Amino acid sequence: MKCLLPVLSLFLFAGCEKTPQLAPVVPPTAGELTAKLGLEDIPYIRDDTFLVSPLGLLGQVVEIRAVDGKCPSQWQEGKPEFSIEPLSGFEVDESSILKAPVKRDSKIVTAELAASIGFLSYLSTELHGERVISAILFDQATGRVADKAPSWSKSLREWSKKHADLFRDNSICYLVVVRGVVQKNMVRRTFQRDEARAGGGAYGVNVDGKLHTSSEDYSVDVRFGLSVGIIKRPGETPKGPIELDAVPVRPPNEQEVAAMRSLETIAHASK
């Protein structure tokens, strides 16, 4: 009797009389997984508001505020919030827009991997005990502003002039503008170590010689990766007239890259 059915590189045990021998799967290293899944060293946030139009994140300005009078070393602690009004009137680089979703890869994720990769860190709480996750990652949408076009500079000038008060606000450590976005959709299922024989209806995978099974359905997680530029840093609160003819947009430095990895959610300002 055939009782082993392949399903998405896993296996379905349907009324087996004995546990079949599955080819072992070796979890990738953090570096291998990051490369295979196309993960960048940028913050990935969850926000259902942008599911319909992920490119709506382009031109959004994020405010990072001081905590107890000090700029936070982890930006999530600074109660990040989208400014009440984003930039407008700029062009989007048409070549940066995906014509169709792109499947990155399917991999087994362990607790150690989830803890070492920022994009997957939120899964760590689910991977207690001897659990693993089978994940398939897709790039669902991408887009980037045409930052070499005159419309981008004009948009920055107009926004900065209208919201000059934010540059003078000592409680705001950073003003960060979103220049690029990638929507990542992850289809996943959790597997538990199973010492017993797999029964009917269970899905199984051999991880490092240990059988893991699952009777769960697949679920989908959506995260938005943000490529940003800095338009205000700590200590840059102007004392005199604000020069708005050429608003500098600078890439985050090493310390700021580390600080922004903590971002998971960004609040929306109430109008």
C-alpha atoms as a PDB file:
ATOM      1  CA  MET A   1       0.000   0.000   0.000  1.00  0.00           C
ATOM      2  CA  LYS A   2       1.289   3.453  -0.894  1.00  0.00           C
ATOM      3  CA  CYS A   3       0.927   5.648   2.146  1.00  0.00           C
ATOM      4  CA  LEU A   4       3.431   8.452   1.549  1.00  0.00           C
ATOM      5  CA  LEU A   5       2.157  11.348  -0.539  1.00  0.00           C
ATOM      6  CA  PRO A   6       4.408  14.355  -1.327  1.00  0.00           C
ATOM      7  CA  VAL A   7       2.799  17.694  -0.507  1.00  0.00           C
ATOM      8  CA  LEU A   8       4.860  20.877  -1.026  1.00  0.00           C
ATOM      9  CA  SER A   9       8.138  19.035  -0.365  1.00  0.00           C
ATOM     10  CA  LEU A  10       6.618  17.555   2.799  1.00  0.00           C
ATOM     11  CA  PHE A  11       4.770  14.297   3.196  1.00  0.00           C
ATOM     12  CA  LEU A  12       1.240  13.143   4.027  1.00  0.00           C
ATOM     13  CA  PHE A  13       0.869   9.939   6.008  1.00  0.00           C
ATOM     14  CA  ALA A  14      -2.428   8.338   5.001  1.00  0.00           C
ATOM     15  CA  GLY A  15      -3.149   5.185   6.965  1.00  0.00           C
ATOM     16  CA  CYS A  16       0.447   3.959   7.084  1.00  0.00           C
ATOM     17  CA  GLU A  17       1.127   0.723   8.914  1.00  0.00           C
ATOM     18  CA  LYS A  18       4.620   1.905   9.813  1.00  0.00           C
ATOM     19  CA  THR A  19       6.499   5.151   9.753  1.00  0.00           C
ATOM     20  CA  PRO A  20       8.080   5.634   6.323  1.00  0.00           C
ATOM     21  CA  GLN A  21      11.699   6.689   5.969  1.00  0.00           C
ATOM     22  CA  LEU A  22      11.853  10.350   4.945  1.00  0.00           C
ATOM     23  CA  ALA A  23      14.885  11.997   3.450  1.00  0.00           C
ATOM     24  CA  PRO A  24      16.329  14.281   6.145  1.00  0.00           C
ATOM     25  CA  VAL A  25      16.098  18.057   5.721  1.00  0.00           C
ATOM     26  CA  VAL A  26      19.031  20.085   7.031  1.00  0.00           C
ATOM     27  CA  PRO A  27      17.997  23.602   8.106  1.00  0.00           C
ATOM     28  CA  PRO A  28      19.996  26.334   6.352  1.00  0.00           C
ATOM     29  CA  THR A  29      22.378  28.696   8.101  1.00  0.00           C
ATOM     30  CA  ALA A  30      21.236  32.240   8.832  1.00  0.00           C
ATOM     31  CA  GLY A  31      23.343  33.553   5.950  1.00  0.00           C
ATOM     32  CA  GLU A  32      21.982  30.981   3.502  1.00  0.00           C
ATOM     33  CA  LEU A  33      18.391  31.643   4.528  1.00  0.00           C
ATOM     34  CA  THR A  34      18.791  35.417   4.305  1.00  0.00           C
ATOM     35  CA  ALA A  35      20.182  35.123   0.779  1.00  0.00           C
ATOM     36  CA  LYS A  36      17.632  32.561  -0.431  1.00  0.00           C
ATOM     37  CA  LEU A  37      14.667  34.551   0.867  1.00  0.00           C
ATOM     38  CA  GLY A  38      15.983  37.850  -0.486  1.00  0.00           C
ATOM     39  CA  LEU A  39      16.004  39.495   2.942  1.00  0.00           C
ATOM     40  CA  GLU A  40      17.673  42.884   3.324  1.00  0.00           C
ATOM     41  CA  ASP A  41      18.941  44.554   6.481  1.00  0.00           C
ATOM     42  CA  ILE A  42      15.871  46.791   6.695  1.00  0.00           C
ATOM     43  CA  PRO A  43      12.903  46.936   9.078  1.00  0.00           C
ATOM     44  CA  TYR A  44       9.923  44.700   8.304  1.00  0.00           C
ATOM     45  CA  ILE A  45       6.623  45.860   9.743  1.00  0.00           C
ATOM     46  CA  ARG A  46       3.085  44.501   9.847  1.00  0.00           C
ATOM     47  CA  ASP A  47       0.300  46.865   8.828  1.00  0.00           C
ATOM     48  CA  ASP A  48      -2.952  45.650   7.268  1.00  0.00           C
ATOM     49  CA  THR A  49      -3.718  49.222   6.194  1.00  0.00           C
ATOM     50  CA  PHE A  50      -1.401  48.825   3.205  1.00  0.00           C
ATOM     51  CA  LEU A  51      -2.508  45.369   2.034  1.00  0.00           C
ATOM     52  CA  VAL A  52      -4.619  46.832  -0.762  1.00  0.00           C
ATOM     53  CA  SER A  53      -1.961  49.328  -1.870  1.00  0.00           C
ATOM     54  CA  PRO A  54       1.545  48.587  -0.553  1.00  0.00           C
ATOM     55  CA  LEU A  55       3.002  51.415  -2.658  1.00  0.00           C
ATOM     56  CA  GLY A  56       1.048  53.737  -0.388  1.00  0.00           C
ATOM     57  CA  LEU A  57       3.985  53.359   2.006  1.00  0.00           C
ATOM     58  CA  LEU A  58       6.212  55.312  -0.381  1.00  0.00           C
ATOM     59  CA  GLY A  59       6.665  58.893   0.805  1.00  0.00           C
ATOM     60  CA  GLN A  60       5.413  58.148   4.308  1.00  0.00           C
ATOM     61  CA  VAL A  61       7.399  59.959   7.002  1.00  0.00           C
ATOM     62  CA  VAL A  62       8.046  58.190  10.304  1.00  0.00           C
ATOM     63  CA  GLU A  63       8.602  60.115  13.539  1.00  0.00           C
ATOM     64  CA  ILE A  64      10.825  58.532  16.197  1.00  0.00           C
ATOM     65  CA  ARG A  65      10.466  60.304  19.547  1.00  0.00           C
ATOM     66  CA  ALA A  66      12.623  60.562  22.641  1.00  0.00           C
ATOM     67  CA  VAL A  67      11.859  58.396  25.675  1.00  0.00           C
ATOM     68  CA  ASP A  68      12.426  60.086  29.053  1.00  0.00           C
ATOM     69  CA  GLY A  69      14.366  62.815  27.275  1.00  0.00           C
ATOM     70  CA  LYS A  70      16.723  60.426  25.466  1.00  0.00           C
ATOM     71  CA  CYS A  71      16.716  59.079  21.923  1.00  0.00           C
ATOM     72  CA  PRO A  72      16.050  55.314  22.036  1.00  0.00           C
ATOM     73  CA  SER A  73      18.674  52.796  20.957  1.00  0.00           C
ATOM     74  CA  GLN A  74      15.828  50.641  19.612  1.00  0.00           C
ATOM     75  CA  TRP A  75      13.387  52.617  17.476  1.00  0.00           C
ATOM     76  CA  GLN A  76      10.338  50.572  18.464  1.00  0.00           C
ATOM     77  CA  GLU A  77      10.773  52.024  21.966  1.00  0.00           C
ATOM     78  CA  GLY A  78      10.361  55.539  20.518  1.00  0.00           C
ATOM     79  CA  LYS A  79       6.663  54.994  19.783  1.00  0.00           C
ATOM     80  CA  PRO A  80       7.167  55.292  16.015  1.00  0.00           C
ATOM     81  CA  GLU A  81       4.334  57.034  14.226  1.00  0.00           C
ATOM     82  CA  PHE A  82       3.563  57.968  10.641  1.00  0.00           C
ATOM     83  CA  SER A  83       3.341  61.727  10.237  1.00  0.00           C
ATOM     84  CA  ILE A  84      -0.150  63.029   9.692  1.00  0.00           C
ATOM     85  CA  GLU A  85       0.639  63.710   6.028  1.00  0.00           C
ATOM     86  CA  PRO A  86       3.001  61.849   3.644  1.00  0.00           C
ATOM     87  CA  LEU A  87       4.963  63.343   0.782  1.00  0.00           C
ATOM     88  CA  SER A  88       2.985  63.700  -2.424  1.00  0.00           C
ATOM     89  CA  GLY A  89       3.471  64.548  -6.091  1.00  0.00           C
ATOM     90  CA  PHE A  90       6.592  62.424  -6.616  1.00  0.00           C
ATOM     91  CA  GLU A  91       7.142  59.807  -9.298  1.00  0.00           C
ATOM     92  CA  VAL A  92       7.559  56.070  -8.738  1.00  0.00           C
ATOM     93  CA  ASP A  93      10.337  54.225 -10.567  1.00  0.00           C
ATOM     94  CA  GLU A  94       8.314  52.042 -12.958  1.00  0.00           C
ATOM     95  CA  SER A  95      11.168  49.534 -13.304  1.00  0.00           C
ATOM     96  CA  SER A  96      10.971  48.814  -9.552  1.00  0.00           C
ATOM     97  CA  ILE A  97       7.365  47.592  -9.664  1.00  0.00           C
ATOM     98  CA  LEU A  98       6.802  43.819  -9.762  1.00  0.00           C
ATOM     99  CA  LYS A  99       4.647  42.599 -12.645  1.00  0.00           C
ATOM    100  CA  ALA A 100       3.835  39.355 -10.798  1.00  0.00           C
ATOM    101  CA  PRO A 101       4.675  37.787  -7.410  1.00  0.00           C
ATOM    102  CA  VAL A 102       8.084  36.098  -7.155  1.00  0.00           C
ATOM    103  CA  LYS A 103       8.583  32.911  -5.142  1.00  0.00           C
ATOM    104  CA  ARG A 104      11.821  33.218  -3.222  1.00  0.00           C
ATOM    105  CA  ASP A 105      12.213  29.770  -1.668  1.00  0.00           C
ATOM    106  CA  SER A 106      10.785  27.210   0.743  1.00  0.00           C
ATOM    107  CA  LYS A 107      12.791  26.443   3.860  1.00  0.00           C
ATOM    108  CA  ILE A 108      12.618  24.882   7.315  1.00  0.00           C
ATOM    109  CA  VAL A 109      12.952  27.475  10.087  1.00  0.00           C
ATOM    110  CA  THR A 110      14.178  26.482  13.542  1.00  0.00           C
ATOM    111  CA  ALA A 111      14.026  28.501  16.763  1.00  0.00           C
ATOM    112  CA  GLU A 112      17.714  29.355  16.416  1.00  0.00           C
ATOM    113  CA  LEU A 113      17.224  30.694  12.896  1.00  0.00           C
ATOM    114  CA  ALA A 114      14.171  32.741  13.848  1.00  0.00           C
ATOM    115  CA  ALA A 115      16.056  34.353  16.726  1.00  0.00           C
ATOM    116  CA  SER A 116      19.032  35.296  14.533  1.00  0.00           C
ATOM    117  CA  ILE A 117      17.117  36.854  11.601  1.00  0.00           C
ATOM    118  CA  GLY A 118      15.169  40.037  12.270  1.00  0.00           C
ATOM    119  CA  PHE A 119      12.487  39.305   9.680  1.00  0.00           C
ATOM    120  CA  LEU A 120      11.672  35.996  11.417  1.00  0.00           C
ATOM    121  CA  SER A 121      12.165  37.020  15.050  1.00  0.00           C
ATOM    122  CA  TYR A 122       8.423  37.242  15.755  1.00  0.00           C
ATOM    123  CA  LEU A 123       8.205  33.473  15.161  1.00  0.00           C
ATOM    124  CA  SER A 124      10.502  32.699  18.103  1.00  0.00           C
ATOM    125  CA  THR A 125       7.621  32.570  20.580  1.00  0.00           C
ATOM    126  CA  GLU A 126       5.941  29.826  18.534  1.00  0.00           C
ATOM    127  CA  LEU A 127       9.032  27.647  18.273  1.00  0.00           C
ATOM    128  CA  HIS A 128       9.227  26.495  21.864  1.00  0.00           C
ATOM    129  CA  GLY A 129      10.015  22.881  22.577  1.00  0.00           C
ATOM    130  CA  GLU A 130      10.985  20.878  19.507  1.00  0.00           C
ATOM    131  CA  ARG A 131       9.034  22.770  16.890  1.00  0.00           C
ATOM    132  CA  VAL A 132      10.007  23.907  13.409  1.00  0.00           C
ATOM    133  CA  ILE A 133       8.211  25.891  10.729  1.00  0.00           C
ATOM    134  CA  SER A 134       7.985  25.095   7.045  1.00  0.00           C
ATOM    135  CA  ALA A 135       7.965  28.463   5.258  1.00  0.00           C
ATOM    136  CA  ILE A 136       7.474  29.491   1.636  1.00  0.00           C
ATOM    137  CA  LEU A 137       8.284  33.146   0.967  1.00  0.00           C
ATOM    138  CA  PHE A 138       7.034  35.319  -1.881  1.00  0.00           C
ATOM    139  CA  ASP A 139       7.845  38.868  -2.930  1.00  0.00           C
ATOM    140  CA  GLN A 140       4.279  40.038  -3.496  1.00  0.00           C
ATOM    141  CA  ALA A 141       4.932  43.659  -4.436  1.00  0.00           C
ATOM    142  CA  THR A 142       7.856  46.084  -4.688  1.00  0.00           C
ATOM    143  CA  GLY A 143       8.282  49.746  -5.507  1.00  0.00           C
ATOM    144  CA  ARG A 144      10.719  52.609  -5.136  1.00  0.00           C
ATOM    145  CA  VAL A 145      10.476  56.361  -5.552  1.00  0.00           C
ATOM    146  CA  ALA A 146      12.224  57.924  -8.556  1.00  0.00           C
ATOM    147  CA  ASP A 147      14.596  59.838  -6.283  1.00  0.00           C
ATOM    148  CA  LYS A 148      16.648  61.234  -9.182  1.00  0.00           C
ATOM    149  CA  ALA A 149      13.603  62.912 -10.700  1.00  0.00           C
ATOM    150  CA  PRO A 150      12.964  66.626  -9.964  1.00  0.00           C
ATOM    151  CA  SER A 151       9.535  65.727  -8.572  1.00  0.00           C
ATOM    152  CA  TRP A 152      11.136  63.988  -5.585  1.00  0.00           C
ATOM    153  CA  SER A 153      13.203  67.018  -4.549  1.00  0.00           C
ATOM    154  CA  LYS A 154      10.186  69.273  -5.043  1.00  0.00           C
ATOM    155  CA  SER A 155       8.021  66.978  -2.923  1.00  0.00           C
ATOM    156  CA  LEU A 156      10.598  67.007  -0.110  1.00  0.00           C
ATOM    157  CA  ARG A 157      10.854  70.801  -0.152  1.00  0.00           C
ATOM    158  CA  GLU A 158       7.109  71.299  -0.072  1.00  0.00           C
ATOM    159  CA  TRP A 159       6.580  68.768   2.718  1.00  0.00           C
ATOM    160  CA  SER A 160       9.427  70.203   4.817  1.00  0.00           C
ATOM    161  CA  LYS A 161       8.155  73.752   4.412  1.00  0.00           C
ATOM    162  CA  LYS A 162       4.640  72.742   5.433  1.00  0.00           C
ATOM    163  CA  HIS A 163       5.856  70.704   8.415  1.00  0.00           C
ATOM    164  CA  ALA A 164       8.793  72.835   9.565  1.00  0.00           C
ATOM    165  CA  ASP A 165       7.507  72.506  13.140  1.00  0.00           C
ATOM    166  CA  LEU A 166       8.582  68.851  13.162  1.00  0.00           C
ATOM    167  CA  PHE A 167      12.193  69.857  12.472  1.00  0.00           C
ATOM    168  CA  ARG A 168      12.045  72.233  15.457  1.00  0.00           C
ATOM    169  CA  ASP A 169      10.400  69.731  17.824  1.00  0.00           C
ATOM    170  CA  ASN A 170      13.070  68.674  20.339  1.00  0.00           C
ATOM    171  CA  SER A 171      11.054  65.591  21.298  1.00  0.00           C
ATOM    172  CA  ILE A 172      11.479  64.144  17.784  1.00  0.00           C
ATOM    173  CA  CYS A 173      14.813  62.373  17.412  1.00  0.00           C
ATOM    174  CA  TYR A 174      14.392  61.223  13.830  1.00  0.00           C
ATOM    175  CA  LEU A 175      12.313  61.993  10.787  1.00  0.00           C
ATOM    176  CA  VAL A 176      12.581  59.103   8.350  1.00  0.00           C
ATOM    177  CA  VAL A 177      11.099  58.998   4.856  1.00  0.00           C
ATOM    178  CA  VAL A 178      10.173  55.730   3.092  1.00  0.00           C
ATOM    179  CA  ARG A 179      11.867  55.512  -0.326  1.00  0.00           C
ATOM    180  CA  GLY A 180      11.303  51.844  -1.122  1.00  0.00           C
ATOM    181  CA  VAL A 181       8.977  49.026  -0.097  1.00  0.00           C
ATOM    182  CA  VAL A 182       8.779  45.274  -0.556  1.00  0.00           C
ATOM    183  CA  GLN A 183       5.766  43.213   0.511  1.00  0.00           C
ATOM    184  CA  LYS A 184       6.777  39.741   1.718  1.00  0.00           C
ATOM    185  CA  ASN A 185       4.100  37.051   2.002  1.00  0.00           C
ATOM    186  CA  MET A 186       5.073  33.976   3.994  1.00  0.00           C
ATOM    187  CA  VAL A 187       2.998  30.795   3.752  1.00  0.00           C
ATOM    188  CA  ARG A 188       3.837  28.627   6.742  1.00  0.00           C
ATOM    189  CA  ARG A 189       2.953  25.616   8.847  1.00  0.00           C
ATOM    190  CA  THR A 190       4.256  24.580  12.276  1.00  0.00           C
ATOM    191  CA  PHE A 191       5.577  21.055  12.933  1.00  0.00           C
ATOM    192  CA  GLN A 192       6.073  19.355  16.300  1.00  0.00           C
ATOM    193  CA  ARG A 193       8.627  16.643  17.091  1.00  0.00           C
ATOM    194  CA  ASP A 194       6.798  13.300  17.029  1.00  0.00           C
ATOM    195  CA  GLU A 195       8.339  10.233  18.631  1.00  0.00           C
ATOM    196  CA  ALA A 196       5.307   8.073  17.847  1.00  0.00           C
ATOM    197  CA  ARG A 197       4.310   6.607  14.488  1.00  0.00           C
ATOM    198  CA  ALA A 198       2.556   9.175  12.315  1.00  0.00           C
ATOM    199  CA  GLY A 199      -1.121   8.387  11.953  1.00  0.00           C
ATOM    200  CA  GLY A 200      -3.557   9.097   9.136  1.00  0.00           C
ATOM    201  CA  GLY A 201      -3.926  12.690   8.022  1.00  0.00           C
ATOM    202  CA  ALA A 202      -0.661  13.969   9.517  1.00  0.00           C
ATOM    203  CA  TYR A 203       1.974  15.810   7.530  1.00  0.00           C
ATOM    204  CA  GLY A 204       5.577  14.988   8.294  1.00  0.00           C
ATOM    205  CA  VAL A 205       9.108  16.208   7.678  1.00  0.00           C
ATOM    206  CA  ASN A 206      12.440  14.751   8.752  1.00  0.00           C
ATOM    207  CA  VAL A 207      14.601  17.484  10.305  1.00  0.00           C
ATOM    208  CA  ASP A 208      18.135  16.364  11.112  1.00  0.00           C
ATOM    209  CA  GLY A 209      16.939  12.771  11.424  1.00  0.00           C
ATOM    210  CA  LYS A 210      14.017  13.616  13.725  1.00  0.00           C
ATOM    211  CA  LEU A 211      10.421  13.195  12.572  1.00  0.00           C
ATOM    212  CA  HIS A 212       8.174  16.240  12.931  1.00  0.00           C
ATOM    213  CA  THR A 213       4.463  16.119  12.114  1.00  0.00           C
ATOM    214  CA  SER A 214       1.633  18.605  11.817  1.00  0.00           C
ATOM    215  CA  SER A 215      -2.133  18.565  11.407  1.00  0.00           C
ATOM    216  CA  GLU A 216      -2.394  22.359  11.114  1.00  0.00           C
ATOM    217  CA  ASP A 217      -3.510  24.281   8.050  1.00  0.00           C
ATOM    218  CA  TYR A 218      -1.175  26.671   6.302  1.00  0.00           C
ATOM    219  CA  SER A 219      -1.384  30.316   7.326  1.00  0.00           C
ATOM    220  CA  VAL A 220      -0.117  33.489   5.658  1.00  0.00           C
ATOM    221  CA  ASP A 221       1.897  36.287   7.283  1.00  0.00           C
ATOM    222  CA  VAL A 222       2.442  39.607   5.516  1.00  0.00           C
ATOM    223  CA  ARG A 223       5.327  41.965   6.280  1.00  0.00           C
ATOM    224  CA  PHE A 224       6.402  45.179   4.571  1.00  0.00           C
ATOM    225  CA  GLY A 225      10.120  45.879   4.242  1.00  0.00           C
ATOM    226  CA  LEU A 226      10.962  49.591   4.273  1.00  0.00           C
ATOM    227  CA  SER A 227      13.987  51.228   2.631  1.00  0.00           C
ATOM    228  CA  VAL A 228      14.339  54.616   4.277  1.00  0.00           C
ATOM    229  CA  GLY A 229      16.268  57.857   4.235  1.00  0.00           C
ATOM    230  CA  ILE A 230      16.992  60.136   7.203  1.00  0.00           C
ATOM    231  CA  ILE A 231      15.868  63.769   6.963  1.00  0.00           C
ATOM    232  CA  LYS A 232      16.378  64.664  10.632  1.00  0.00           C
ATOM    233  CA  ARG A 233      18.796  63.242  13.198  1.00  0.00           C
ATOM    234  CA  PRO A 234      19.292  63.921  16.923  1.00  0.00           C
ATOM    235  CA  GLY A 235      21.009  67.248  17.495  1.00  0.00           C
ATOM    236  CA  GLU A 236      19.837  68.679  14.189  1.00  0.00           C
ATOM    237  CA  THR A 237      17.050  70.842  15.595  1.00  0.00           C
ATOM    238  CA  PRO A 238      17.621  74.207  13.875  1.00  0.00           C
ATOM    239  CA  LYS A 239      17.904  77.356  15.988  1.00  0.00           C
ATOM    240  CA  GLY A 240      17.561  79.840  13.140  1.00  0.00           C
ATOM    241  CA  PRO A 241      15.671  79.840   9.826  1.00  0.00           C
ATOM    242  CA  ILE A 242      15.316  76.388   8.271  1.00  0.00           C
ATOM    243  CA  GLU A 243      17.022  76.055   4.907  1.00  0.00           C
ATOM    244  CA  LEU A 244      14.522  74.127   2.822  1.00  0.00           C
ATOM    245  CA  ASP A 245      15.896  74.654  -0.678  1.00  0.00           C
ATOM    246  CA  ALA A 246      17.645  71.294  -0.594  1.00  0.00           C
ATOM    247  CA  VAL A 247      16.460  68.892   2.103  1.00  0.00           C
ATOM    248  CA  PRO A 248      19.199  66.263   2.613  1.00  0.00           C
ATOM    249  CA  VAL A 249      18.064  62.630   2.544  1.00  0.00           C
ATOM    250  CA  ARG A 250      20.821  60.461   3.995  1.00  0.00           C
ATOM    251  CA  PRO A 251      21.136  56.696   4.260  1.00  0.00           C
ATOM    252  CA  PRO A 252      21.047  55.294   7.802  1.00  0.00           C
ATOM    253  CA  ASN A 253      24.442  54.666   9.353  1.00  0.00           C
ATOM    254  CA  GLU A 254      25.449  51.401  11.012  1.00  0.00           C
ATOM    255  CA  GLN A 255      24.052  52.384  14.403  1.00  0.00           C
ATOM    256  CA  GLU A 256      20.744  53.503  12.889  1.00  0.00           C
ATOM    257  CA  VAL A 257      20.439  50.291  10.861  1.00  0.00           C
ATOM    258  CA  ALA A 258      20.755  48.323  14.105  1.00  0.00           C
ATOM    259  CA  ALA A 259      18.200  50.575  15.839  1.00  0.00           C
ATOM    260  CA  MET A 260      15.587  50.275  13.096  1.00  0.00           C
ATOM    261  CA  ARG A 261      15.701  46.456  13.078  1.00  0.00           C
ATOM    262  CA  SER A 262      13.462  46.576  16.153  1.00  0.00           C
ATOM    263  CA  LEU A 263      10.579  48.143  14.208  1.00  0.00           C
ATOM    264  CA  GLU A 264       7.551  45.861  14.032  1.00  0.00           C
ATOM    265  CA  THR A 265       4.623  48.285  14.019  1.00  0.00           C
ATOM    266  CA  ILE A 266       4.199  51.991  13.264  1.00  0.00           C
ATOM    267  CA  ALA A 267       1.201  53.861  14.618  1.00  0.00           C
ATOM    268  CA  HIS A 268      -0.977  56.055  12.425  1.00  0.00           C
ATOM    269  CA  ALA A 269      -1.407  59.663  13.498  1.00  0.00           C
ATOM    270  CA  SER A 270      -4.974  60.671  14.209  1.00  0.00           C
ATOM    271  CA  LYS A 271      -6.160  63.574  12.088  1.00  0.00           C
END
